[in-house]
Every structure is written in C-alpha cells, then in structure tokens.
Protein backbone atom coordinates (compact mmCIF):
# COMPACT_ATOMS: atom_id res chain seq x y z
CA MET A 1 11.68 6.36 12.89
CA CYS A 2 8.01 5.31 12.85
CA ARG A 3 6.86 8.68 14.15
CA ALA A 4 8.80 10.50 11.44
CA LEU A 5 7.38 8.22 8.74
CA ILE A 6 3.84 8.71 10.10
CA ALA A 7 4.32 12.48 9.96
CA VAL A 8 5.59 12.32 6.38
CA LEU A 9 2.85 9.94 5.21
CA SER A 10 0.13 12.09 6.75
CA ILE A 11 1.08 15.06 4.56
CA LEU A 12 1.87 13.20 1.32
CA SER A 13 -0.72 12.96 -1.40
CA LYS A 14 -1.88 9.51 -2.42
CA ASP A 15 0.24 9.54 -5.59
CA ALA A 16 3.39 11.02 -4.03
CA LEU A 17 4.67 7.71 -2.64
CA GLY A 18 6.05 5.66 -5.51
CA ASP A 19 5.01 2.05 -5.92
CA MET A 20 8.47 0.59 -5.29
CA LEU A 21 9.19 2.74 -2.24
CA GLY A 22 5.69 2.14 -0.91
CA PHE A 23 5.98 -1.62 -1.36
CA THR A 24 9.40 -1.76 0.31
CA LEU A 25 8.28 0.39 3.23
CA GLU A 26 5.08 -1.63 3.61
CA GLU A 27 6.94 -4.95 3.51
CA THR A 28 9.56 -3.86 6.05
CA MET A 29 7.05 -2.37 8.48
CA PHE A 30 4.68 -5.32 8.26
CA GLU A 31 7.50 -7.78 8.95
CA GLN A 32 8.48 -5.74 12.00
CA PHE A 33 4.88 -5.52 13.17
CA LYS A 34 3.94 -9.18 12.77
CA ARG A 35 6.99 -10.63 14.51
CA PRO A 36 7.31 -8.94 17.91
CA ASP A 37 8.41 -10.78 21.01
CA LEU A 38 4.93 -11.00 22.54
CA LYS A 39 6.30 -11.63 26.04
CA LEU A 40 8.23 -8.37 25.86
CA VAL A 41 5.20 -6.56 24.45
CA ALA A 42 3.14 -7.79 27.40
CA GLN A 43 5.78 -6.75 29.95
CA SER A 44 7.27 -3.57 28.54
CA ALA A 45 5.48 -0.31 27.85
CA ASN A 46 8.26 0.61 25.40
CA HIS A 47 7.76 -2.56 23.36
CA ARG A 48 3.98 -2.03 23.39
CA LEU A 49 4.46 1.51 22.12
CA ASN A 50 6.78 0.32 19.35
CA ALA A 51 4.25 -2.32 18.25
CA GLU A 52 1.52 0.33 18.29
CA LEU A 53 3.65 2.70 16.20
CA TYR A 54 4.23 -0.01 13.58
CA ALA A 55 0.47 -0.60 13.46
CA MET A 56 -0.22 3.13 13.11
CA LEU A 57 2.33 3.36 10.31
CA LEU A 58 0.68 0.44 8.51
CA GLY A 59 -2.64 2.27 8.87
CA HIS A 60 -1.16 5.32 7.16
CA LEU A 61 0.35 3.13 4.44
CA ALA A 62 -3.09 1.57 3.93
CA ASN A 63 -4.39 5.02 3.02
CA VAL A 64 -2.13 4.80 -0.03
CA HIS A 65 -1.85 1.03 -0.61
CA PHE A 66 -5.08 -0.28 0.90
CA VAL A 67 -5.33 -3.55 -1.00
CA SER A 68 -1.76 -4.71 -0.45
CA VAL A 69 -1.69 -3.78 3.25
CA THR A 70 -4.99 -5.50 3.98
CA ASP A 71 -3.91 -8.51 1.91
CA ARG A 72 -0.89 -8.88 4.17
CA PHE A 73 -3.11 -8.89 7.25
CA LEU A 74 -5.58 -11.32 5.68
CA CYS A 75 -2.82 -13.68 4.61
CA GLU A 76 -1.49 -13.81 8.17
CA LEU A 77 -5.00 -14.24 9.59
CA GLU A 78 -5.97 -17.04 7.19
CA PRO A 79 -5.44 -19.81 9.78
CA VAL A 80 -7.97 -18.05 12.02
CA MET A 81 -10.51 -17.93 9.20
CA ASN A 82 -9.96 -21.66 8.63
CA ASP A 83 -10.17 -22.40 12.37
CA GLN A 84 -6.63 -23.80 12.43
CA VAL A 85 -5.12 -21.86 15.32
CA ALA A 86 -3.44 -23.60 18.21
CA LYS A 87 -4.30 -22.20 21.64
CA TYR A 88 -0.73 -21.06 22.33
CA LEU A 89 -0.80 -18.83 19.20
CA ASP A 90 -3.86 -16.81 20.29
CA THR A 91 -1.79 -13.78 21.31
CA LYS A 92 -0.07 -13.64 17.91
CA TYR A 93 -3.40 -13.38 16.11
CA GLU A 94 -4.82 -11.01 18.70
CA HIS A 95 -1.84 -8.75 18.02
CA LEU A 96 -2.58 -8.83 14.27
CA VAL A 97 -6.26 -8.03 14.77
CA LYS A 98 -5.40 -5.13 17.08
CA GLY A 99 -3.16 -3.75 14.35
CA LEU A 100 -6.06 -3.76 11.89
CA ARG A 101 -7.87 -1.10 13.90
CA HIS A 102 -5.56 1.48 12.33
CA VAL A 103 -6.66 0.56 8.80
CA GLN A 104 -9.49 2.92 7.94
CA LEU A 105 -12.30 1.92 5.63
CA ARG A 106 -13.41 4.79 3.45
CA PRO A 107 -16.23 3.91 1.10
CA SER A 108 -16.42 5.84 -2.14
CA PRO A 109 -19.28 8.32 -2.68
CA SER A 110 -20.97 5.88 -5.08
CA GLN A 111 -20.83 3.13 -2.43
CA MET A 112 -22.33 5.51 0.13
CA ARG A 113 -25.17 6.44 -2.25
CA MET A 114 -25.86 2.77 -2.82
CA VAL A 115 -26.04 2.07 0.92
CA PHE A 116 -28.26 5.04 1.72
CA SER A 117 -30.54 4.56 -1.26
CA SER A 118 -31.15 0.91 -0.43
CA ARG A 119 -34.70 0.07 0.62
CA SER A 120 -33.35 -2.58 2.98
CA LEU A 121 -32.52 0.05 5.58
CA LEU A 122 -34.97 0.19 8.44
CA PRO A 123 -36.59 3.56 9.16
CA ILE A 124 -35.43 5.31 12.32
CA ARG A 125 -38.23 5.73 14.86
C-alpha cells in the first residue's frame, strides 16, 4: 500500500490532495510509523522495510503538507529537546530521527537570494 501511495503522491500536484484526505492520510501513516515494534524492526528485514516505506511516504506527504508533518515529528521529539528521555527509549527516538531524513527542505527563491546575498558568507579560497 505504501509503495502505491508513494507513486501516486509523486505525480500529484501540490494542490491535488485535498486537505481532509491529506490530513487523514498523514495522521494514519504517522501513527503507523511512530509505533513499530522496535525489536521486530531490529530483527526482521521485512519490518525494517515497512518502517522505511512509512517514512518515505511521510516524506512525500511533507512535500504537500510540510508544516503539519514536521509538527508531528517535532511533537514526538519534544522530550529529546527538553532532555527528558530515559535510556531505554533511545531507539524510539532514533527511529523518529531516521524518519526525518525523508523530509526535504526546499527553501524558496527569496530565501536563497537572502542567503547568497548575505555578507556573512566567507569567500571560497
């Protein structure tokens, strides 16, 4: 199912996915992604692949709903930011951070101009 959804999302325009459908799909996929059996993920290539597919799908959803997808990740990672993570939960948060690698940051042209026009950049030698 994830592969089919990834294929569909990769060809849809940004406005083609309605807000309600996008929210429901995002919510369902994030719940599946954030709650895997981490022992099975560590032992089974099939479970690892499924977790990776959920992360890839969330990355594609972030292309359309960037703020809400990243907010979900940040909400789950808040205990890490506040240094409130018990040692036995490390793998849970590692799993979440690994999933973030599929969320692509794409600065707008105006943001790129601002970065490259800044005098704070060091000259390349």
